[in-house]
Amino acid sequence: MAAHWEGMPVGHAEAIMPALAALLDEAELPAAYRFARIGVTVGPGSFTGLRVGLSVARARAAITGALLVPLNRLQVVAATSDAPDPRLVSLDARRSERFMQLFSSLADPLTSPAAVPNHQVADVYGHWQGAALIEEQGEPAALTAAMAQLTDWRPAVLHGQVAPLYVRAPDAIAQPPKLQTR
């Protein structure tokens, strides 16, 4: 199995296609290789990173006929742990927030994902006292293995049925329509 992980606060769009080409080359697969299933994290995460990753996965699935398996990023992290039930995953969401969600030991969701302001994190920890707390994303090899396993186990869908998992409102503000004059 070939894998590539790179922490990138910016530059997703420029790096993803060369990284995909390098992975296929490393695995000695032709560029047009048809995967039966493609696992793709749908969130929570950065708006741009999610949109870029989803666009590439959707395009690859549309071109090759592969099915997509939408994966919750927090669920992937929960699947890397061998902690007992329940597992509370809490990852930095930037903007003074944490993405949080509770899972069973099989990485099945017990709550919905949420963006929790840092000043409320202690309350969430207190509410789920006794849960195994996972605050780090984990090692790339463990995340790769968890993604592969979840991709095999979880239901697959057609490329047009995959949507990003947003747990907070966008930063962008909708602009009112402009009146056109002739």
Protein backbone atom coordinates (compact mmCIF):
# COMPACT_ATOMS: atom_id res chain seq x y z
CA MET A 1 0.00 0.00 0.00
CA ALA A 2 1.32 3.44 -0.91
CA ALA A 3 0.51 6.48 1.23
CA HIS A 4 1.44 10.16 1.36
CA TRP A 5 0.69 12.56 4.22
CA GLU A 6 1.64 16.20 4.36
CA GLY A 7 0.43 18.84 6.79
CA MET A 8 -0.60 21.78 4.64
CA PRO A 9 -2.32 24.86 5.96
CA VAL A 10 -2.40 26.19 2.38
CA GLY A 11 -1.55 24.94 -1.10
CA HIS A 12 -3.91 21.95 -1.28
CA ALA A 13 -5.01 22.55 -4.84
CA GLU A 14 -1.49 22.83 -6.18
CA ALA A 15 -0.16 19.74 -4.38
CA ILE A 16 -2.90 17.11 -4.60
CA MET A 17 -2.61 16.06 -8.25
CA PRO A 18 1.20 15.68 -8.23
CA ALA A 19 0.89 13.73 -4.94
CA LEU A 20 -1.74 11.43 -6.47
CA ALA A 21 0.44 10.85 -9.54
CA ALA A 22 3.44 10.04 -7.31
CA LEU A 23 1.35 7.59 -5.25
CA LEU A 24 0.14 5.74 -8.33
CA ASP A 25 3.72 5.62 -9.61
CA GLU A 26 5.02 4.34 -6.25
CA ALA A 27 2.35 1.63 -6.22
CA GLU A 28 3.29 0.82 -9.85
CA LEU A 29 -0.25 1.48 -11.06
CA PRO A 30 -1.13 3.18 -14.35
CA ALA A 31 -2.54 6.71 -14.13
CA ALA A 32 -5.94 5.43 -15.35
CA TYR A 33 -6.12 2.62 -12.76
CA ARG A 34 -9.72 1.88 -11.76
CA PHE A 35 -10.18 1.52 -8.02
CA ALA A 36 -13.43 -0.17 -6.99
CA ARG A 37 -13.80 2.14 -3.98
CA ILE A 38 -12.19 5.43 -3.03
CA GLY A 39 -12.26 6.56 0.59
CA VAL A 40 -12.39 10.32 1.03
CA THR A 41 -12.59 12.36 4.21
CA VAL A 42 -15.52 14.73 3.98
CA GLY A 43 -14.89 16.68 7.18
CA PRO A 44 -14.85 18.25 9.53
CA GLY A 45 -11.91 20.31 8.38
CA SER A 46 -10.89 23.43 6.50
CA PHE A 47 -13.32 24.59 3.83
CA THR A 48 -10.70 24.71 1.07
CA GLY A 49 -9.04 21.43 1.98
CA LEU A 50 -12.37 19.61 2.02
CA ARG A 51 -13.50 21.09 -1.28
CA VAL A 52 -10.22 20.29 -3.04
CA GLY A 53 -10.03 16.72 -1.74
CA LEU A 54 -13.68 16.03 -2.51
CA SER A 55 -13.37 17.48 -6.00
CA VAL A 56 -10.43 15.24 -6.85
CA ALA A 57 -12.11 12.13 -5.39
CA ARG A 58 -15.39 12.89 -7.21
CA ALA A 59 -13.60 13.48 -10.51
CA ARG A 60 -11.54 10.30 -10.18
CA ALA A 61 -14.69 8.31 -9.35
CA ALA A 62 -16.64 9.85 -12.24
CA ILE A 63 -13.86 9.09 -14.73
CA THR A 64 -13.13 5.54 -13.57
CA GLY A 65 -16.56 4.44 -12.36
CA ALA A 66 -15.34 3.87 -8.80
CA LEU A 67 -17.65 4.24 -5.83
CA LEU A 68 -16.83 6.75 -3.08
CA VAL A 69 -16.83 6.02 0.64
CA PRO A 70 -17.36 9.26 2.58
CA LEU A 71 -15.36 9.21 5.81
CA ASN A 72 -15.68 11.48 8.83
CA ARG A 73 -12.19 12.70 9.76
CA LEU A 74 -12.93 12.33 13.47
CA GLN A 75 -14.11 8.77 12.88
CA VAL A 76 -10.84 7.92 11.13
CA VAL A 77 -8.93 9.21 14.16
CA ALA A 78 -11.20 7.23 16.53
CA ALA A 79 -10.50 4.09 14.50
CA THR A 80 -6.75 4.42 15.15
CA SER A 81 -7.18 4.04 18.91
CA ASP A 82 -7.44 0.86 20.94
CA ALA A 83 -9.03 2.73 23.86
CA PRO A 84 -12.20 1.31 25.44
CA ASP A 85 -15.73 2.71 24.98
CA PRO A 86 -16.46 5.53 24.60
CA ARG A 87 -13.81 7.50 22.73
CA LEU A 88 -14.00 11.30 22.65
CA VAL A 89 -12.06 12.71 19.69
CA SER A 90 -11.12 16.38 20.08
CA LEU A 91 -9.00 18.02 17.35
CA ASP A 92 -7.89 21.60 16.83
CA ALA A 93 -10.34 23.35 14.52
CA ARG A 94 -8.46 26.66 14.54
CA ARG A 95 -10.37 29.87 15.28
CA SER A 96 -10.30 29.06 19.03
CA GLU A 97 -12.43 25.94 18.53
CA ARG A 98 -12.11 22.17 18.63
CA PHE A 99 -13.89 19.61 16.45
CA MET A 100 -15.35 17.04 18.84
CA GLN A 101 -17.32 13.79 18.56
CA LEU A 102 -17.93 10.70 20.70
CA PHE A 103 -17.42 7.18 19.26
CA SER A 104 -17.74 3.56 20.35
CA SER A 105 -14.67 1.31 20.38
CA LEU A 106 -15.69 0.21 16.86
CA ALA A 107 -15.49 3.88 15.76
CA ASP A 108 -19.26 4.07 15.40
CA PRO A 109 -20.55 7.61 16.11
CA LEU A 110 -22.42 8.08 19.40
CA THR A 111 -22.93 11.83 18.89
CA SER A 112 -22.85 14.24 15.97
CA PRO A 113 -19.64 16.16 15.26
CA ALA A 114 -19.48 19.70 16.63
CA ALA A 115 -17.22 22.73 16.57
CA VAL A 116 -16.87 23.61 20.25
CA PRO A 117 -15.46 26.99 21.33
CA ASN A 118 -12.34 26.57 23.46
CA HIS A 119 -14.02 28.16 26.49
CA GLN A 120 -16.65 25.35 26.42
CA VAL A 121 -14.30 22.40 25.87
CA ALA A 122 -13.89 21.70 29.62
CA ASP A 123 -17.70 21.42 29.92
CA VAL A 124 -17.78 18.81 27.14
CA TYR A 125 -14.90 16.91 28.77
CA GLY A 126 -16.79 17.01 32.06
CA HIS A 127 -20.01 15.78 30.47
CA TRP A 128 -18.23 12.78 28.96
CA GLN A 129 -16.03 12.13 31.99
CA GLY A 130 -14.71 8.60 31.74
CA ALA A 131 -14.47 8.66 27.95
CA ALA A 132 -11.04 7.95 26.49
CA LEU A 133 -9.82 11.32 25.24
CA ILE A 134 -8.04 11.43 21.87
CA GLU A 135 -6.58 14.87 21.21
CA GLU A 136 -4.02 14.15 18.51
CA GLN A 137 -4.64 13.15 14.91
CA GLY A 138 -2.19 10.26 15.16
CA GLU A 139 0.57 8.85 13.03
CA PRO A 140 0.18 8.80 9.24
CA ALA A 141 0.61 5.01 9.04
CA ALA A 142 -2.18 4.43 11.57
CA LEU A 143 -4.45 6.93 9.81
CA THR A 144 -3.78 5.28 6.44
CA ALA A 145 -4.62 1.85 7.86
CA ALA A 146 -7.80 3.18 9.50
CA MET A 147 -8.91 4.88 6.27
CA ALA A 148 -8.31 1.67 4.30
CA GLN A 149 -10.26 -0.39 6.83
CA LEU A 150 -13.17 2.06 6.98
CA THR A 151 -13.19 2.29 3.18
CA ASP A 152 -13.64 -1.49 3.05
CA TRP A 153 -16.33 -1.57 5.77
CA ARG A 154 -18.46 1.52 5.20
CA PRO A 155 -21.17 1.89 2.56
CA ALA A 156 -20.09 3.27 -0.80
CA VAL A 157 -22.06 5.76 -2.89
CA LEU A 158 -21.97 7.28 -6.36
CA HIS A 159 -19.68 10.29 -6.81
CA GLY A 160 -22.59 12.75 -6.97
CA GLN A 161 -23.92 11.63 -3.58
CA VAL A 162 -20.94 12.77 -1.52
CA ALA A 163 -21.13 16.11 0.24
CA PRO A 164 -18.78 17.89 2.65
CA LEU A 165 -19.47 17.59 6.37
CA TYR A 166 -19.50 21.15 7.67
CA VAL A 167 -20.00 21.60 11.40
CA ARG A 168 -19.80 25.39 11.53
CA ALA A 169 -21.03 28.27 9.48
CA PRO A 170 -18.80 29.53 6.64
CA ASP A 171 -16.71 32.66 7.09
CA ALA A 172 -17.90 34.06 3.77
CA ILE A 173 -20.87 36.36 3.81
CA ALA A 174 -23.36 36.10 0.96
CA GLN A 175 -23.50 39.25 -1.09
CA PRO A 176 -26.86 40.66 -2.13
CA PRO A 177 -27.61 40.28 -5.82
CA LYS A 178 -26.55 43.23 -7.93
CA LEU A 179 -29.15 44.92 -10.09
CA GLN A 180 -28.23 44.97 -13.71
CA THR A 181 -29.08 47.99 -15.76
CA ARG A 182 -29.04 48.40 -19.48
